[in-house]
N, C-alpha and C. Protein backbone atom coordinates (compact mmCIF):
# COMPACT_ATOMS: atom_id res chain seq x y z
N UNK A 1 -7.15 10.85 -9.39
CA UNK A 1 -8.10 10.92 -7.91
C UNK A 1 -9.47 11.74 -8.41
N UNK A 2 -9.23 12.61 -9.25
CA UNK A 2 -10.48 13.21 -9.82
C UNK A 2 -11.42 12.33 -10.47
N UNK A 3 -10.93 11.34 -11.07
CA UNK A 3 -11.81 10.37 -12.03
C UNK A 3 -12.65 9.75 -10.94
N UNK A 4 -11.81 9.33 -9.60
CA UNK A 4 -12.66 8.37 -8.77
C UNK A 4 -13.66 9.33 -7.98
N UNK A 5 -13.36 10.69 -7.74
CA UNK A 5 -14.38 11.63 -7.27
C UNK A 5 -15.71 11.78 -8.11
N UNK A 6 -15.20 11.93 -9.53
CA UNK A 6 -16.43 12.03 -10.34
C UNK A 6 -17.19 10.71 -10.66
N UNK A 7 -16.69 9.67 -10.43
CA UNK A 7 -17.15 8.58 -10.37
C UNK A 7 -18.04 8.12 -9.30
N UNK A 8 -17.69 8.69 -8.12
CA UNK A 8 -18.52 8.54 -6.89
C UNK A 8 -19.63 9.40 -6.83
N UNK A 9 -19.44 10.74 -7.39
CA UNK A 9 -20.69 11.80 -7.37
C UNK A 9 -21.49 11.19 -8.33
N UNK A 10 -21.03 10.72 -9.51
CA UNK A 10 -22.18 10.22 -10.45
C UNK A 10 -23.04 9.00 -10.12
N UNK A 11 -22.42 8.08 -9.20
CA UNK A 11 -23.12 6.87 -8.38
C UNK A 11 -24.03 7.18 -7.57
N UNK A 12 -23.70 8.30 -6.73
CA UNK A 12 -24.37 8.58 -5.56
C UNK A 12 -25.31 9.98 -5.77
N UNK A 13 -25.49 10.06 -7.04
CA UNK A 13 -26.62 11.60 -7.29
C UNK A 13 -28.00 11.35 -6.65
N UNK A 14 -28.61 10.21 -7.06
CA UNK A 14 -29.95 9.98 -6.62
C UNK A 14 -30.05 10.08 -4.86
N UNK A 15 -29.09 9.30 -4.40
CA UNK A 15 -29.02 9.34 -2.92
C UNK A 15 -28.88 10.85 -2.19
N UNK A 16 -27.73 11.44 -3.11
CA UNK A 16 -27.73 12.88 -2.39
C UNK A 16 -28.58 13.98 -2.77
N UNK A 17 -29.55 13.60 -3.56
CA UNK A 17 -30.36 14.66 -3.80
C UNK A 17 -30.99 15.17 -2.58
N UNK A 18 -31.57 14.16 -1.81
CA UNK A 18 -32.32 14.41 -0.69
C UNK A 18 -31.42 15.03 0.31
N UNK A 19 -30.17 14.94 0.29
CA UNK A 19 -29.24 15.43 1.27
C UNK A 19 -29.04 16.97 1.08
N UNK A 20 -29.38 17.49 0.00
CA UNK A 20 -29.20 18.97 -0.07
C UNK A 20 -27.88 19.53 -0.03
N UNK A 21 -27.58 20.54 0.58
CA UNK A 21 -26.43 21.17 0.82
C UNK A 21 -25.18 20.17 1.22
N UNK A 22 -25.73 19.43 2.20
CA UNK A 22 -24.67 18.41 2.67
C UNK A 22 -24.53 17.03 1.94
N UNK A 23 -24.75 17.06 0.74
CA UNK A 23 -24.54 16.00 0.06
C UNK A 23 -23.02 15.49 0.09
N UNK A 24 -22.09 16.16 0.37
CA UNK A 24 -20.80 15.64 0.40
C UNK A 24 -20.34 14.74 1.60
N UNK A 25 -21.47 14.96 2.61
CA UNK A 25 -21.33 14.00 3.73
C UNK A 25 -21.64 12.32 3.20
N UNK A 26 -22.62 12.51 2.32
CA UNK A 26 -23.13 11.28 2.04
C UNK A 26 -22.03 10.71 0.94
N UNK A 27 -21.35 11.62 0.29
CA UNK A 27 -20.20 11.08 -0.49
C UNK A 27 -18.99 10.47 0.28
N UNK A 28 -18.89 11.19 1.06
CA UNK A 28 -17.73 10.65 2.27
C UNK A 28 -18.12 9.35 2.83
N UNK A 29 -19.35 8.96 3.07
CA UNK A 29 -19.96 7.99 3.70
C UNK A 29 -19.48 6.89 2.69
N UNK A 30 -20.11 6.88 1.52
CA UNK A 30 -20.01 5.99 0.38
C UNK A 30 -18.36 5.70 0.18
N UNK A 31 -17.56 6.74 0.16
CA UNK A 31 -16.21 6.49 -0.05
C UNK A 31 -15.65 5.42 1.18
N UNK A 32 -15.94 5.66 2.33
CA UNK A 32 -15.48 4.85 3.34
C UNK A 32 -16.03 3.65 3.42
N UNK A 33 -17.29 3.60 2.91
CA UNK A 33 -17.93 2.33 2.74
C UNK A 33 -17.36 1.37 1.69
N UNK A 34 -16.86 2.07 0.61
CA UNK A 34 -16.18 1.53 -0.57
C UNK A 34 -14.99 0.85 -0.03
N UNK A 35 -14.00 1.83 0.59
CA UNK A 35 -12.88 1.17 1.34
C UNK A 35 -12.96 0.08 2.29
N UNK A 36 -14.02 0.22 2.85
CA UNK A 36 -14.42 -1.15 3.87
C UNK A 36 -14.56 -2.23 3.07
N UNK A 37 -15.53 -2.12 2.05
CA UNK A 37 -15.79 -3.35 1.19
C UNK A 37 -14.52 -3.98 0.36
N UNK A 38 -13.70 -2.91 -0.04
CA UNK A 38 -12.56 -3.40 -0.87
C UNK A 38 -11.39 -4.08 0.09
N UNK A 39 -11.56 -3.59 1.42
CA UNK A 39 -10.46 -4.20 2.36
C UNK A 39 -11.11 -5.67 2.77
N UNK A 40 -12.26 -5.89 2.95
CA UNK A 40 -12.82 -7.09 3.17
C UNK A 40 -12.88 -8.11 2.13
N UNK A 41 -13.20 -7.62 0.83
CA UNK A 41 -12.83 -8.41 -0.20
C UNK A 41 -11.55 -9.03 -0.56
N UNK A 42 -10.41 -7.86 -0.36
CA UNK A 42 -9.08 -8.43 -0.64
C UNK A 42 -8.75 -9.36 0.36
N UNK A 43 -9.05 -9.17 1.64
CA UNK A 43 -8.73 -10.06 2.63
C UNK A 43 -9.15 -11.64 2.49
N UNK A 44 -10.38 -11.44 2.08
CA UNK A 44 -10.99 -12.85 1.53
C UNK A 44 -10.29 -13.40 0.43
N UNK A 45 -10.15 -12.79 -0.46
CA UNK A 45 -9.52 -13.24 -1.84
C UNK A 45 -8.00 -13.59 -1.33
N UNK A 46 -7.30 -12.69 -0.75
CA UNK A 46 -6.01 -13.22 -0.40
C UNK A 46 -5.70 -14.51 0.49
N UNK A 47 -6.47 -14.65 1.32
CA UNK A 47 -6.73 -15.76 2.44
C UNK A 47 -7.07 -17.08 1.62
N UNK A 48 -7.86 -16.91 0.45
CA UNK A 48 -8.12 -18.01 -0.29
C UNK A 48 -7.06 -18.48 -1.07
N UNK A 49 -6.43 -17.43 -1.85
CA UNK A 49 -5.43 -17.56 -2.65
C UNK A 49 -4.00 -18.25 -1.71
N UNK A 50 -3.85 -17.79 -0.60
CA UNK A 50 -2.82 -18.14 0.19
C UNK A 50 -2.95 -19.62 0.71
N UNK A 51 -4.12 -20.02 1.04
CA UNK A 51 -4.46 -21.49 1.28
C UNK A 51 -4.19 -22.56 -0.06
N UNK A 52 -4.46 -21.87 -1.01
CA UNK A 52 -4.30 -22.78 -2.28
C UNK A 52 -2.77 -22.86 -2.67
N UNK A 53 -2.21 -21.78 -2.51
CA UNK A 53 -0.69 -21.52 -2.95
C UNK A 53 0.14 -22.29 -1.93
N UNK A 54 -0.18 -22.49 -0.70
CA UNK A 54 0.46 -23.17 0.25
C UNK A 54 0.65 -24.46 -0.07
N UNK A 55 -0.06 -25.04 -0.89
CA UNK A 55 -0.07 -26.55 -1.34
C UNK A 55 0.96 -26.82 -2.28
N UNK A 56 1.55 -25.57 -2.99
CA UNK A 56 2.64 -25.77 -3.97
C UNK A 56 3.85 -25.71 -3.40
N UNK A 57 5.17 -26.20 -4.06
CA UNK A 57 6.43 -26.64 -3.61
C UNK A 57 7.22 -25.12 -3.64
N UNK A 58 6.90 -24.17 -4.25
CA UNK A 58 7.64 -23.05 -4.75
C UNK A 58 7.66 -22.16 -3.49
N UNK A 59 8.59 -21.67 -3.10
CA UNK A 59 8.66 -20.79 -1.95
C UNK A 59 8.33 -19.27 -2.18
N UNK A 60 8.28 -18.90 -3.51
CA UNK A 60 8.07 -17.56 -4.06
C UNK A 60 6.82 -16.99 -3.90
N UNK A 61 5.80 -17.90 -4.15
CA UNK A 61 4.31 -17.48 -4.21
C UNK A 61 3.72 -17.11 -2.86
N UNK A 62 4.24 -18.21 -1.90
CA UNK A 62 3.92 -17.98 -0.52
C UNK A 62 4.48 -16.79 -0.03
N UNK A 63 5.90 -16.49 -0.32
CA UNK A 63 6.40 -15.06 0.20
C UNK A 63 5.73 -14.00 -0.20
N UNK A 64 5.30 -13.97 -1.43
CA UNK A 64 4.61 -12.94 -2.16
C UNK A 64 3.35 -12.56 -1.60
N UNK A 65 2.29 -13.58 -1.17
CA UNK A 65 1.25 -13.27 -0.71
C UNK A 65 1.32 -13.11 0.56
N UNK A 66 2.32 -13.76 1.50
CA UNK A 66 2.30 -13.21 2.77
C UNK A 66 2.66 -11.90 3.12
N UNK A 67 3.78 -11.49 2.16
CA UNK A 67 4.27 -9.90 2.41
C UNK A 67 3.08 -9.01 1.72
N UNK A 68 2.11 -9.56 0.91
CA UNK A 68 1.11 -8.57 0.28
C UNK A 68 0.03 -8.26 1.24
N UNK A 69 -0.25 -9.08 2.09
CA UNK A 69 -1.77 -9.21 2.89
C UNK A 69 -1.75 -7.73 3.80
N UNK A 70 -1.05 -7.46 4.61
CA UNK A 70 -1.25 -6.21 5.60
C UNK A 70 -1.01 -4.91 4.61
N UNK A 71 0.23 -4.90 3.78
CA UNK A 71 0.48 -3.59 3.11
C UNK A 71 -0.88 -3.29 2.18
N UNK A 72 -1.38 -4.49 1.45
CA UNK A 72 -2.80 -3.93 0.67
C UNK A 72 -3.56 -3.48 1.56
N UNK A 73 -4.02 -4.10 2.57
CA UNK A 73 -5.18 -3.59 3.50
C UNK A 73 -4.77 -2.16 3.86
N UNK A 74 -3.59 -1.73 4.14
CA UNK A 74 -3.22 -0.36 4.53
C UNK A 74 -3.42 0.37 3.35
N UNK A 75 -2.81 0.05 2.28
CA UNK A 75 -3.03 0.95 1.00
C UNK A 75 -4.44 1.19 0.55
N UNK A 76 -5.47 0.17 0.68
CA UNK A 76 -6.82 0.45 0.26
C UNK A 76 -7.29 1.59 1.35
N UNK A 77 -7.02 1.42 2.70
CA UNK A 77 -7.48 2.53 3.46
C UNK A 77 -6.81 3.94 3.49
N UNK A 78 -5.67 3.88 2.92
CA UNK A 78 -4.92 5.20 2.51
C UNK A 78 -5.83 6.01 1.58
N UNK A 79 -5.94 5.14 0.57
CA UNK A 79 -6.58 5.51 -0.83
C UNK A 79 -7.92 5.82 -0.53
N UNK A 80 -8.63 5.24 0.21
CA UNK A 80 -9.97 5.58 0.66
C UNK A 80 -10.21 6.77 1.77
N UNK A 81 -9.27 6.91 2.65
CA UNK A 81 -9.21 8.19 3.38
C UNK A 81 -8.90 9.38 2.82
N UNK A 82 -7.75 9.15 1.98
CA UNK A 82 -7.35 10.26 1.10
C UNK A 82 -8.70 10.79 0.11
N UNK A 83 -9.13 10.09 -0.51
CA UNK A 83 -10.35 10.23 -1.19
C UNK A 83 -11.60 10.98 -0.43
N UNK A 84 -11.86 10.46 0.76
CA UNK A 84 -12.77 11.22 1.61
C UNK A 84 -12.25 12.67 2.01
N UNK A 85 -10.82 12.47 2.17
CA UNK A 85 -10.61 13.87 2.58
C UNK A 85 -10.60 14.87 1.33
N UNK A 86 -10.37 14.62 0.29
CA UNK A 86 -10.30 15.37 -0.78
C UNK A 86 -11.62 15.96 -0.97
N UNK A 87 -12.77 15.13 -0.70
CA UNK A 87 -14.35 15.45 -0.92
C UNK A 87 -14.44 16.65 0.25
N UNK A 88 -14.06 16.41 1.50
CA UNK A 88 -14.33 17.36 2.47
C UNK A 88 -13.51 18.58 2.11
N UNK A 89 -12.19 18.48 1.48
CA UNK A 89 -11.52 19.84 1.22
C UNK A 89 -12.18 20.49 0.03
N UNK A 90 -12.71 19.83 -0.90
CA UNK A 90 -13.47 20.41 -1.91
C UNK A 90 -14.56 21.37 -1.41
N UNK A 91 -15.24 20.87 -0.17
CA UNK A 91 -16.47 21.51 0.15
C UNK A 91 -16.01 22.62 1.50
N UNK A 92 -15.00 22.50 2.07
CA UNK A 92 -14.79 23.18 3.19
C UNK A 92 -13.70 24.08 3.10
N UNK A 93 -12.65 23.85 2.08
CA UNK A 93 -11.43 24.64 1.95
C UNK A 93 -10.75 24.67 3.13
N UNK A 94 -10.61 23.74 4.14
CA UNK A 94 -10.01 23.81 5.28
C UNK A 94 -8.60 23.67 4.93
N UNK A 95 -7.66 24.50 5.55
CA UNK A 95 -6.29 24.47 5.37
C UNK A 95 -5.59 23.06 5.79
N UNK A 96 -6.30 22.48 6.77
CA UNK A 96 -5.83 20.93 7.26
C UNK A 96 -5.74 20.15 6.02
N UNK A 97 -6.90 20.20 5.25
CA UNK A 97 -7.09 19.10 4.21
C UNK A 97 -5.95 19.32 2.99
N UNK A 98 -5.40 20.60 3.02
CA UNK A 98 -4.55 20.85 1.81
C UNK A 98 -3.31 19.82 2.04
N UNK A 99 -3.01 19.25 3.13
CA UNK A 99 -1.83 18.36 3.26
C UNK A 99 -2.26 16.91 2.76
N UNK A 100 -3.60 16.51 2.52
CA UNK A 100 -3.84 15.12 2.13
C UNK A 100 -3.11 14.56 1.07
N UNK A 101 -2.77 15.36 -0.14
CA UNK A 101 -1.92 14.91 -1.39
C UNK A 101 -0.77 14.23 -0.82
N UNK A 102 0.34 15.32 -0.17
CA UNK A 102 1.60 14.83 0.14
C UNK A 102 1.44 13.85 1.01
N UNK A 103 0.56 13.82 1.93
CA UNK A 103 0.64 12.63 3.02
C UNK A 103 0.24 11.39 2.15
N UNK A 104 -0.63 11.38 1.56
CA UNK A 104 -1.20 10.15 0.64
C UNK A 104 0.25 9.68 -0.19
N UNK A 105 0.79 10.44 -0.71
CA UNK A 105 2.01 10.07 -1.56
C UNK A 105 3.16 9.47 -0.82
N UNK A 106 3.33 10.10 0.33
CA UNK A 106 4.42 9.46 0.97
C UNK A 106 4.00 8.10 1.95
N UNK A 107 2.68 8.02 2.10
CA UNK A 107 2.00 6.93 2.74
C UNK A 107 2.20 5.79 1.68
N UNK A 108 1.74 6.17 0.42
CA UNK A 108 1.86 4.96 -0.57
C UNK A 108 3.45 4.57 -0.64
N UNK A 109 4.32 5.38 -0.70
CA UNK A 109 5.85 5.07 -0.80
C UNK A 109 6.03 4.19 0.34
N UNK A 110 5.56 4.55 1.53
CA UNK A 110 5.95 3.71 2.57
C UNK A 110 5.45 2.35 2.76
N UNK A 111 3.98 2.32 2.20
CA UNK A 111 3.55 0.95 2.08
C UNK A 111 4.28 0.04 1.13
N UNK A 112 4.58 0.60 0.06
CA UNK A 112 5.31 -0.21 -0.92
C UNK A 112 6.62 -0.58 -0.59
N UNK A 113 7.30 0.30 0.30
CA UNK A 113 8.78 0.04 1.04
C UNK A 113 8.43 -1.02 2.04
N UNK A 114 7.26 -0.86 2.82
CA UNK A 114 6.99 -2.07 3.81
C UNK A 114 6.86 -3.39 3.04
N UNK A 115 5.96 -3.43 2.00
CA UNK A 115 5.66 -4.51 1.21
C UNK A 115 7.03 -5.22 0.79
N UNK A 116 7.86 -4.52 0.19
CA UNK A 116 9.15 -4.95 -0.32
C UNK A 116 10.04 -5.43 0.86
N UNK A 117 10.00 -4.97 2.05
CA UNK A 117 10.98 -5.34 3.09
C UNK A 117 10.46 -6.65 3.69
N UNK A 118 8.91 -6.75 3.62
CA UNK A 118 8.27 -8.08 3.94
C UNK A 118 8.51 -9.31 3.08
N UNK A 119 8.59 -8.74 1.76
CA UNK A 119 8.87 -9.85 0.70
C UNK A 119 10.33 -10.52 0.92
N UNK A 120 11.22 -9.48 1.08
CA UNK A 120 12.64 -9.79 1.32
C UNK A 120 12.79 -10.79 2.36
N UNK A 121 12.22 -10.39 3.61
CA UNK A 121 12.08 -11.13 4.84
C UNK A 121 11.71 -12.48 4.55
N UNK A 122 10.42 -12.69 3.94
CA UNK A 122 9.97 -13.88 3.55
C UNK A 122 10.61 -14.90 2.84
N UNK A 123 11.09 -14.22 1.75
CA UNK A 123 12.01 -15.20 0.83
C UNK A 123 13.13 -15.49 1.43
N UNK A 124 13.74 -14.81 2.37
CA UNK A 124 14.94 -15.14 3.06
C UNK A 124 14.65 -16.25 3.87
N UNK A 125 13.39 -16.25 4.58
CA UNK A 125 13.15 -17.32 5.55
C UNK A 125 12.89 -18.55 4.79
N UNK A 126 12.31 -18.49 3.59
CA UNK A 126 12.00 -19.66 2.89
C UNK A 126 13.31 -20.26 2.20
N UNK A 127 14.26 -19.48 1.91
CA UNK A 127 15.43 -20.14 1.28
C UNK A 127 16.15 -20.75 2.34
N UNK A 128 16.08 -20.56 3.69
CA UNK A 128 16.68 -21.31 4.75
C UNK A 128 16.07 -22.20 5.25
N UNK A 129 14.54 -22.61 4.73
CA UNK A 129 13.95 -23.85 5.28
C UNK A 129 14.32 -24.93 4.52
N UNK A 130 14.86 -25.93 4.93
CA UNK A 130 15.04 -27.10 3.99
C UNK A 130 13.75 -27.91 3.63
N UNK A 131 12.62 -27.81 4.29
CA UNK A 131 11.26 -28.27 4.08
C UNK A 131 10.63 -27.68 2.95
N UNK A 132 11.15 -26.40 2.62
CA UNK A 132 10.50 -25.77 1.48
C UNK A 132 11.17 -25.93 0.18
N UNK A 133 12.51 -26.10 0.36
CA UNK A 133 13.35 -26.41 -0.93
C UNK A 133 13.35 -27.76 -1.08
N UNK A 134 13.41 -28.42 -2.15
CA UNK A 134 13.82 -29.71 -2.65
C UNK A 134 15.08 -29.98 -2.40
N UNK A 135 16.03 -29.03 -2.83
CA UNK A 135 17.36 -29.27 -2.67
C UNK A 135 17.87 -28.86 -1.27
N UNK A 136 19.34 -28.83 -1.20
CA UNK A 136 19.83 -28.48 0.14
C UNK A 136 19.58 -26.91 0.22
N UNK A 137 19.46 -26.41 1.50
CA UNK A 137 19.16 -24.93 1.50
C UNK A 137 20.43 -24.20 1.41
N UNK A 138 20.25 -23.01 0.86
CA UNK A 138 21.32 -22.16 0.72
C UNK A 138 22.14 -21.76 1.97
N UNK A 139 23.23 -21.36 1.87
CA UNK A 139 24.07 -20.98 2.95
C UNK A 139 23.47 -19.61 3.72
N UNK A 140 23.40 -19.90 4.99
CA UNK A 140 23.01 -19.01 5.94
C UNK A 140 23.62 -17.51 5.73
N UNK A 141 24.86 -17.60 5.86
CA UNK A 141 25.42 -16.23 5.82
C UNK A 141 25.36 -15.52 4.56
N UNK A 142 25.34 -16.28 3.49
CA UNK A 142 25.19 -15.55 2.23
C UNK A 142 23.56 -14.76 2.06
N UNK A 143 22.67 -15.60 2.63
CA UNK A 143 21.53 -15.29 2.48
C UNK A 143 21.30 -14.01 3.50
N UNK A 144 21.62 -14.31 4.64
CA UNK A 144 21.76 -12.93 5.67
C UNK A 144 22.22 -11.83 5.04
N UNK A 145 23.34 -12.10 4.35
CA UNK A 145 24.24 -10.78 3.65
C UNK A 145 23.38 -10.23 2.56
N UNK A 146 22.82 -10.87 1.75
CA UNK A 146 22.04 -10.59 0.45
C UNK A 146 20.82 -9.73 0.93
N UNK A 147 20.07 -10.40 2.15
CA UNK A 147 19.05 -9.85 2.70
C UNK A 147 19.25 -8.52 3.38
N UNK A 148 20.32 -8.20 3.99
CA UNK A 148 20.65 -6.92 4.60
C UNK A 148 20.88 -6.07 3.43
N UNK A 149 21.52 -6.56 2.59
CA UNK A 149 21.88 -5.60 1.37
C UNK A 149 20.57 -4.89 0.53
N UNK A 150 19.69 -5.99 0.35
CA UNK A 150 18.42 -5.56 -0.36
C UNK A 150 17.45 -4.87 0.64
N UNK A 151 17.51 -5.15 1.86
CA UNK A 151 16.64 -4.24 2.83
C UNK A 151 17.23 -2.86 2.91
N UNK A 152 18.51 -2.62 2.89
CA UNK A 152 19.12 -1.43 2.91
C UNK A 152 18.79 -0.71 1.75
N UNK A 153 19.04 -1.27 0.57
CA UNK A 153 18.56 -0.60 -0.68
C UNK A 153 17.36 -0.28 -0.82
N UNK A 154 16.35 -1.05 -0.37
CA UNK A 154 15.07 -0.57 -0.19
C UNK A 154 14.61 0.58 0.54
N UNK A 155 15.17 0.58 1.65
CA UNK A 155 14.94 1.70 2.70
C UNK A 155 15.45 3.03 2.13
N UNK A 156 16.63 2.87 1.60
CA UNK A 156 17.46 4.05 0.93
C UNK A 156 16.53 4.60 -0.19
N UNK A 157 16.13 3.68 -1.07
CA UNK A 157 15.54 4.06 -2.23
C UNK A 157 13.98 4.65 -1.83
N UNK A 158 13.23 4.04 -0.77
CA UNK A 158 12.12 4.60 -0.39
C UNK A 158 12.21 6.14 0.16
N UNK A 159 13.24 6.24 1.04
CA UNK A 159 13.56 7.67 1.66
C UNK A 159 13.74 8.55 0.56
N UNK A 160 14.62 8.35 -0.39
CA UNK A 160 15.07 9.29 -1.60
C UNK A 160 13.68 9.58 -2.37
N UNK A 161 12.97 8.63 -2.59
CA UNK A 161 11.71 8.80 -3.34
C UNK A 161 10.72 9.73 -2.63
N UNK A 162 10.49 9.44 -1.17
CA UNK A 162 9.69 10.03 -0.57
C UNK A 162 10.13 11.57 -0.62
N UNK A 163 11.54 11.69 -0.39
CA UNK A 163 12.10 13.23 -0.22
C UNK A 163 11.77 13.94 -1.38
N UNK A 164 11.81 13.07 -2.59
CA UNK A 164 11.59 13.86 -4.19
C UNK A 164 10.32 14.09 -4.00
N UNK A 165 9.31 13.42 -3.61
CA UNK A 165 7.91 13.52 -3.59
C UNK A 165 7.64 14.78 -2.78
N UNK A 166 8.25 14.98 -1.81
CA UNK A 166 8.00 16.24 -0.86
C UNK A 166 8.63 17.52 -1.36
N UNK A 167 9.41 17.44 -2.56
CA UNK A 167 9.89 18.69 -3.18
C UNK A 167 11.32 18.86 -2.80
N UNK A 168 12.02 17.85 -2.24
CA UNK A 168 13.38 18.19 -1.95
C UNK A 168 14.20 17.60 -3.27
N UNK A 169 15.14 18.50 -3.51
CA UNK A 169 15.82 17.85 -4.55
C UNK A 169 17.04 16.92 -4.19
N UNK A 170 16.86 15.55 -4.52
CA UNK A 170 17.74 14.67 -4.10
C UNK A 170 19.14 14.55 -4.96
N UNK A 171 19.04 15.31 -6.14
CA UNK A 171 20.15 15.30 -6.88
C UNK A 171 21.40 16.01 -6.05
N UNK A 172 21.23 16.82 -5.15
CA UNK A 172 22.36 17.24 -4.28
C UNK A 172 22.74 16.13 -3.18
N UNK A 173 21.74 15.46 -2.64
CA UNK A 173 21.93 14.34 -1.86
C UNK A 173 23.04 13.21 -2.47
N UNK A 174 22.42 13.07 -3.64
CA UNK A 174 22.95 11.94 -4.27
C UNK A 174 24.50 12.38 -4.73
N UNK A 175 24.50 13.61 -5.26
CA UNK A 175 26.14 14.20 -5.52
C UNK A 175 26.79 14.28 -4.36
N UNK A 176 26.28 14.41 -3.05
CA UNK A 176 27.19 14.52 -1.83
C UNK A 176 27.69 13.37 -1.37
N UNK A 177 26.78 12.12 -1.66
CA UNK A 177 27.37 11.03 -1.04
C UNK A 177 26.73 9.68 -1.31
C-alpha cells in the first residue's frame, strides 16, 4: 500500500504544487479516478473475453469469467477507496480512518469468498446442462452434494481467515470443534 501511495505522490507532484497544503485532496481525487478507470477497463476487457470464450465448448472458462466480473469490480473499488482513505488518514489522523486496514483486509477476503462461491455455482450449472457438455451430463444429486460441500468449505474457510485477520486466535476454535 505504501508503494502505491508513493507512486501516486510522485505522479501528482506537479499538479499538487499549486494546491499547497491541501494537495492530499488532489491525491485522493486521482486515486478515485484511477479506481474508476481500472473498473471501466476491466469491465470492457472481461466483456470482450467473455464474448470470445462463449464460442468455445469448455464449460470452465465461461464459469470462471462469469464468476469473476462483479467481484473484480468490487475488489478494485475496495482497493481504491482504501488507498484514498489511507491518504486522508495520513493527513488528518482522524480515528475513524484507523479502521481502514482491517476493513480492507476483511473486504478482500469476502470478495475472494464471493468469487469462489460464484465459481462453484457456475461450474455446477454448467455440468448439469447437456448443451454445454458433449457427453451425458453428470448425476444431478452428486453435483448438488459436491456443490453444497464445496460452498460450505469455502464459507467456513473465509470466516476463519477473516477471524484470524482480525486478531482472533482460530487455533482454539479449530481445537474446539
